[in-house]
Structures are given as structure tokens and as C-alpha cells.
Amino acid sequence: MPAQPKATLEKVLQLLGFPATVEEHVLEDGLLLEVKTEDSGRLIGRQGQTLSDLQYITNRLLFQQDHNAPKVMVDVGGYRAAAREALVKKAKDAAEKVRRWGDVVELEPLSAFDRRIVHQALKDDPDIETHSVEVEGTDKKAILLRPKH
């Protein structure tokens, strides 16, 4: 049986006691499930952590239903879109510093999801290369931006 991303997320939200509607949008690399609810703050959580957990659970459930299920991004109240824009701006500002001063710039530790956004944002920049590096003493990774030689 093919996975039903919208219905799956709606059921999870219902079981968690969140009255919400879900809109499904097709993306290049999967689906966006946009949650509309009065209680968006609680669903987003501190620094988007609850939203990330909800996305993880939804993807796990879909994968169990169908190993070929598309990757799903869950957003609430446009939070991910706004956070993505802010992250892309930060990456481009850092790239500008690298271009101007020729120094390596390190961004703060980011989740794998956010690191992918930064790498994607700068992948076509002819002057800048990006690398994920482990942050000593943690299980997190940061991104280094440096001039291409």
C-alpha cells in the first residue's frame, strides 16, 4: 500500500490532541506538509525542536508503510520557510566575509537539515567552498566556508 503522508500526519496530530489541517505541496525532492493550527508555537517548540521531531516521526511512519515513500518536510505557520531564508542570508553574509577578507569563516553548529540548506545555498558560488566539520567534544557539526583556490 502506498504511503499516505497527509493522512499519516493528520492522524499523528489528532492522536497528540492538536486540532489542525494539513496541506500537501509537491517539492523537487519530496513533499511539504504544511500544518495549519491555532497552537503553532507548541508544535514548533524551542528552536523548532518539536517540529523537527514531528517531521522525523512522520518520515519514519511513512517509510514503514512504504520504503519508497517520498521524503517529507513538515512546516507549521511558515516557520521552516522563514528559518530557511534567515539561514540562507547568514550563509551568504558569511560567504561575503570570506570573499572580502580571504579568511575562513565558521558558522555555529547546525543540524544536518540546516547544514544541507547552507551547502545548497552556496554550491554554485565560484569563490567559496563549504565543509562540515565535527565540533570537538560534541556530536554536532559546524560548517567552514573558505575561499576556493
C-alpha atoms as a PDB file:
ATOM      1  CA  MET A   1       0.000   0.000   0.000  1.00  0.00           C
ATOM      2  CA  PRO A   2       1.468   3.406  -0.911  1.00  0.00           C
ATOM      3  CA  ALA A   3       2.230   5.777   1.935  1.00  0.00           C
ATOM      4  CA  GLN A   4      -0.325   8.492   2.704  1.00  0.00           C
ATOM      5  CA  PRO A   5       1.775  11.410   4.027  1.00  0.00           C
ATOM      6  CA  LYS A   6      -1.086  13.886   4.604  1.00  0.00           C
ATOM      7  CA  ALA A   7      -3.379  11.343   6.293  1.00  0.00           C
ATOM      8  CA  THR A   8      -0.496   9.990   8.411  1.00  0.00           C
ATOM      9  CA  LEU A   9       0.460  13.424   9.761  1.00  0.00           C
ATOM     10  CA  GLU A  10      -3.195  14.333  10.367  1.00  0.00           C
ATOM     11  CA  LYS A  11      -3.618  11.126  12.409  1.00  0.00           C
ATOM     12  CA  VAL A  12      -0.450  11.806  14.454  1.00  0.00           C
ATOM     13  CA  LEU A  13      -1.625  15.359  15.207  1.00  0.00           C
ATOM     14  CA  GLN A  14      -5.086  14.092  16.137  1.00  0.00           C
ATOM     15  CA  LEU A  15      -3.607  11.482  18.499  1.00  0.00           C
ATOM     16  CA  LEU A  16      -1.436  14.198  20.078  1.00  0.00           C
ATOM     17  CA  GLY A  17      -4.543  16.322  20.620  1.00  0.00           C
ATOM     18  CA  PHE A  18      -3.738  19.101  18.138  1.00  0.00           C
ATOM     19  CA  PRO A  19      -6.712  20.284  16.082  1.00  0.00           C
ATOM     20  CA  ALA A  20      -5.085  21.073  12.736  1.00  0.00           C
ATOM     21  CA  THR A  21      -5.451  20.858   8.991  1.00  0.00           C
ATOM     22  CA  VAL A  22      -2.636  19.755   6.684  1.00  0.00           C
ATOM     23  CA  GLU A  23      -1.943  20.952   3.152  1.00  0.00           C
ATOM     24  CA  GLU A  24       0.298  18.881   0.881  1.00  0.00           C
ATOM     25  CA  HIS A  25       2.663  20.553  -1.614  1.00  0.00           C
ATOM     26  CA  VAL A  26       5.000  18.747  -4.030  1.00  0.00           C
ATOM     27  CA  LEU A  27       8.676  19.834  -3.860  1.00  0.00           C
ATOM     28  CA  GLU A  28      11.624  18.938  -6.118  1.00  0.00           C
ATOM     29  CA  ASP A  29      12.962  16.437  -3.600  1.00  0.00           C
ATOM     30  CA  GLY A  30       9.821  15.282  -1.765  1.00  0.00           C
ATOM     31  CA  LEU A  31       6.716  16.711  -0.158  1.00  0.00           C
ATOM     32  CA  LEU A  32       5.963  19.673   2.070  1.00  0.00           C
ATOM     33  CA  LEU A  33       3.216  19.100   4.617  1.00  0.00           C
ATOM     34  CA  GLU A  34       2.059  22.475   5.854  1.00  0.00           C
ATOM     35  CA  VAL A  35       0.220  22.347   9.182  1.00  0.00           C
ATOM     36  CA  LYS A  36      -2.399  24.992   9.942  1.00  0.00           C
ATOM     37  CA  THR A  37      -3.268  25.225  13.647  1.00  0.00           C
ATOM     38  CA  GLU A  38      -4.140  27.758  16.333  1.00  0.00           C
ATOM     39  CA  ASP A  39      -1.417  26.272  18.541  1.00  0.00           C
ATOM     40  CA  SER A  40       1.583  26.635  16.230  1.00  0.00           C
ATOM     41  CA  GLY A  41       4.027  27.686  18.996  1.00  0.00           C
ATOM     42  CA  ARG A  42       3.651  24.408  20.868  1.00  0.00           C
ATOM     43  CA  LEU A  43       4.039  22.391  17.671  1.00  0.00           C
ATOM     44  CA  ILE A  44       7.173  24.293  16.637  1.00  0.00           C
ATOM     45  CA  GLY A  45       8.806  24.056  20.066  1.00  0.00           C
ATOM     46  CA  ARG A  46      12.016  25.680  21.261  1.00  0.00           C
ATOM     47  CA  GLN A  47      14.232  26.445  18.244  1.00  0.00           C
ATOM     48  CA  GLY A  48      11.990  24.241  16.112  1.00  0.00           C
ATOM     49  CA  GLN A  49      12.849  21.074  18.047  1.00  0.00           C
ATOM     50  CA  THR A  50       9.275  19.785  18.362  1.00  0.00           C
ATOM     51  CA  LEU A  51       8.723  20.455  14.659  1.00  0.00           C
ATOM     52  CA  SER A  52      11.906  18.504  13.810  1.00  0.00           C
ATOM     53  CA  ASP A  53      10.739  15.607  15.988  1.00  0.00           C
ATOM     54  CA  LEU A  54       7.306  15.635  14.339  1.00  0.00           C
ATOM     55  CA  GLN A  55       8.958  15.559  10.911  1.00  0.00           C
ATOM     56  CA  TYR A  56      11.216  12.669  11.968  1.00  0.00           C
ATOM     57  CA  ILE A  57       8.297  10.613  13.328  1.00  0.00           C
ATOM     58  CA  THR A  58       6.212  11.289  10.214  1.00  0.00           C
ATOM     59  CA  ASN A  59       9.048  10.181   7.909  1.00  0.00           C
ATOM     60  CA  ARG A  60       9.654   7.018   9.989  1.00  0.00           C
ATOM     61  CA  LEU A  61       5.954   6.081   9.844  1.00  0.00           C
ATOM     62  CA  LEU A  62       5.817   6.690   6.085  1.00  0.00           C
ATOM     63  CA  PHE A  63       8.973   4.660   5.471  1.00  0.00           C
ATOM     64  CA  GLN A  64       7.482   1.743   7.435  1.00  0.00           C
ATOM     65  CA  GLN A  65       4.321   1.896   5.277  1.00  0.00           C
ATOM     66  CA  ASP A  66       6.295   2.155   2.031  1.00  0.00           C
ATOM     67  CA  HIS A  67      10.092   2.001   1.612  1.00  0.00           C
ATOM     68  CA  ASN A  68       9.760   4.190  -1.499  1.00  0.00           C
ATOM     69  CA  ALA A  69       7.776   6.918   0.279  1.00  0.00           C
ATOM     70  CA  PRO A  70       8.911  10.441  -0.621  1.00  0.00           C
ATOM     71  CA  LYS A  71      10.871  12.428   1.972  1.00  0.00           C
ATOM     72  CA  VAL A  72       8.522  14.755   3.826  1.00  0.00           C
ATOM     73  CA  MET A  73       9.237  18.211   5.211  1.00  0.00           C
ATOM     74  CA  VAL A  74       6.783  19.350   7.888  1.00  0.00           C
ATOM     75  CA  ASP A  75       6.198  23.075   8.421  1.00  0.00           C
ATOM     76  CA  VAL A  76       3.958  24.935  10.850  1.00  0.00           C
ATOM     77  CA  GLY A  77       2.902  28.520  10.291  1.00  0.00           C
ATOM     78  CA  GLY A  78       5.686  29.155   7.763  1.00  0.00           C
ATOM     79  CA  TYR A  79       8.347  28.587  10.463  1.00  0.00           C
ATOM     80  CA  ARG A  80      10.672  26.493   8.288  1.00  0.00           C
ATOM     81  CA  ALA A  81      10.365  28.854   5.325  1.00  0.00           C
ATOM     82  CA  ALA A  82      11.314  31.856   7.491  1.00  0.00           C
ATOM     83  CA  ALA A  83      14.117  29.942   9.236  1.00  0.00           C
ATOM     84  CA  ARG A  84      15.439  28.762   5.853  1.00  0.00           C
ATOM     85  CA  GLU A  85      15.502  32.330   4.493  1.00  0.00           C
ATOM     86  CA  ALA A  86      17.364  33.545   7.592  1.00  0.00           C
ATOM     87  CA  LEU A  87      19.879  30.688   7.282  1.00  0.00           C
ATOM     88  CA  VAL A  88      20.492  31.337   3.569  1.00  0.00           C
ATOM     89  CA  LYS A  89      21.045  35.033   4.351  1.00  0.00           C
ATOM     90  CA  LYS A  90      23.520  34.131   7.119  1.00  0.00           C
ATOM     91  CA  ALA A  91      25.378  31.791   4.738  1.00  0.00           C
ATOM     92  CA  LYS A  92      25.582  34.456   2.019  1.00  0.00           C
ATOM     93  CA  ASP A  93      26.756  37.088   4.525  1.00  0.00           C
ATOM     94  CA  ALA A  94      29.478  34.696   5.717  1.00  0.00           C
ATOM     95  CA  ALA A  95      30.469  33.996   2.091  1.00  0.00           C
ATOM     96  CA  GLU A  96      30.779  37.748   1.530  1.00  0.00           C
ATOM     97  CA  LYS A  97      33.189  37.987   4.517  1.00  0.00           C
ATOM     98  CA  VAL A  98      35.282  35.149   3.066  1.00  0.00           C
ATOM     99  CA  ARG A  99      35.355  36.910  -0.308  1.00  0.00           C
ATOM    100  CA  ARG A 100      36.277  40.258   1.247  1.00  0.00           C
ATOM    101  CA  TRP A 101      38.923  39.156   3.772  1.00  0.00           C
ATOM    102  CA  GLY A 102      40.058  35.784   2.410  1.00  0.00           C
ATOM    103  CA  ASP A 103      39.708  34.252   5.882  1.00  0.00           C
ATOM    104  CA  VAL A 104      37.939  31.045   6.842  1.00  0.00           C
ATOM    105  CA  VAL A 105      34.543  31.661   8.469  1.00  0.00           C
ATOM    106  CA  GLU A 106      32.945  29.093  10.770  1.00  0.00           C
ATOM    107  CA  LEU A 107      29.177  29.017  11.287  1.00  0.00           C
ATOM    108  CA  GLU A 108      27.749  27.798  14.592  1.00  0.00           C
ATOM    109  CA  PRO A 109      26.945  24.078  14.946  1.00  0.00           C
ATOM    110  CA  LEU A 110      23.891  23.214  12.856  1.00  0.00           C
ATOM    111  CA  SER A 111      21.580  20.231  12.422  1.00  0.00           C
ATOM    112  CA  ALA A 112      22.105  18.032   9.353  1.00  0.00           C
ATOM    113  CA  PHE A 113      18.951  19.562   7.855  1.00  0.00           C
ATOM    114  CA  ASP A 114      20.287  23.115   8.294  1.00  0.00           C
ATOM    115  CA  ARG A 115      23.799  22.208   7.072  1.00  0.00           C
ATOM    116  CA  ARG A 116      22.245  20.869   3.868  1.00  0.00           C
ATOM    117  CA  ILE A 117      20.466  24.208   3.355  1.00  0.00           C
ATOM    118  CA  VAL A 118      23.786  26.095   3.720  1.00  0.00           C
ATOM    119  CA  HIS A 119      25.670  23.741   1.373  1.00  0.00           C
ATOM    120  CA  GLN A 120      22.853  24.030  -1.204  1.00  0.00           C
ATOM    121  CA  ALA A 121      22.748  27.839  -0.912  1.00  0.00           C
ATOM    122  CA  LEU A 122      26.473  28.154  -1.686  1.00  0.00           C
ATOM    123  CA  LYS A 123      27.066  25.183  -4.008  1.00  0.00           C
ATOM    124  CA  ASP A 124      27.106  27.338  -7.154  1.00  0.00           C
ATOM    125  CA  ASP A 125      29.305  30.092  -5.685  1.00  0.00           C
ATOM    126  CA  PRO A 126      32.513  30.087  -7.770  1.00  0.00           C
ATOM    127  CA  ASP A 127      34.644  31.632  -4.984  1.00  0.00           C
ATOM    128  CA  ILE A 128      33.523  29.718  -1.889  1.00  0.00           C
ATOM    129  CA  GLU A 129      33.754  26.117  -0.742  1.00  0.00           C
ATOM    130  CA  THR A 130      31.905  24.685   2.265  1.00  0.00           C
ATOM    131  CA  HIS A 131      32.871  21.796   4.541  1.00  0.00           C
ATOM    132  CA  SER A 132      31.094  20.249   7.519  1.00  0.00           C
ATOM    133  CA  VAL A 133      33.476  19.680  10.424  1.00  0.00           C
ATOM    134  CA  GLU A 134      32.918  17.999  13.775  1.00  0.00           C
ATOM    135  CA  VAL A 135      32.836  20.288  16.780  1.00  0.00           C
ATOM    136  CA  GLU A 136      35.282  18.929  19.341  1.00  0.00           C
ATOM    137  CA  GLY A 137      33.681  17.455  22.448  1.00  0.00           C
ATOM    138  CA  THR A 138      30.189  17.279  20.908  1.00  0.00           C
ATOM    139  CA  ASP A 139      28.305  15.200  18.375  1.00  0.00           C
ATOM    140  CA  LYS A 140      27.466  18.332  16.386  1.00  0.00           C
ATOM    141  CA  LYS A 141      28.958  19.642  13.149  1.00  0.00           C
ATOM    142  CA  ALA A 142      29.648  23.183  12.014  1.00  0.00           C
ATOM    143  CA  ILE A 143      30.290  24.491   8.514  1.00  0.00           C
ATOM    144  CA  LEU A 144      33.541  26.095   7.428  1.00  0.00           C
ATOM    145  CA  LEU A 145      33.461  28.489   4.495  1.00  0.00           C
ATOM    146  CA  ARG A 146      36.776  29.132   2.755  1.00  0.00           C
ATOM    147  CA  PRO A 147      37.986  30.640  -0.495  1.00  0.00           C
ATOM    148  CA  LYS A 148      38.277  28.245  -3.447  1.00  0.00           C
ATOM    149  CA  HIS A 149      41.787  28.044  -4.809  1.00  0.00           C
END
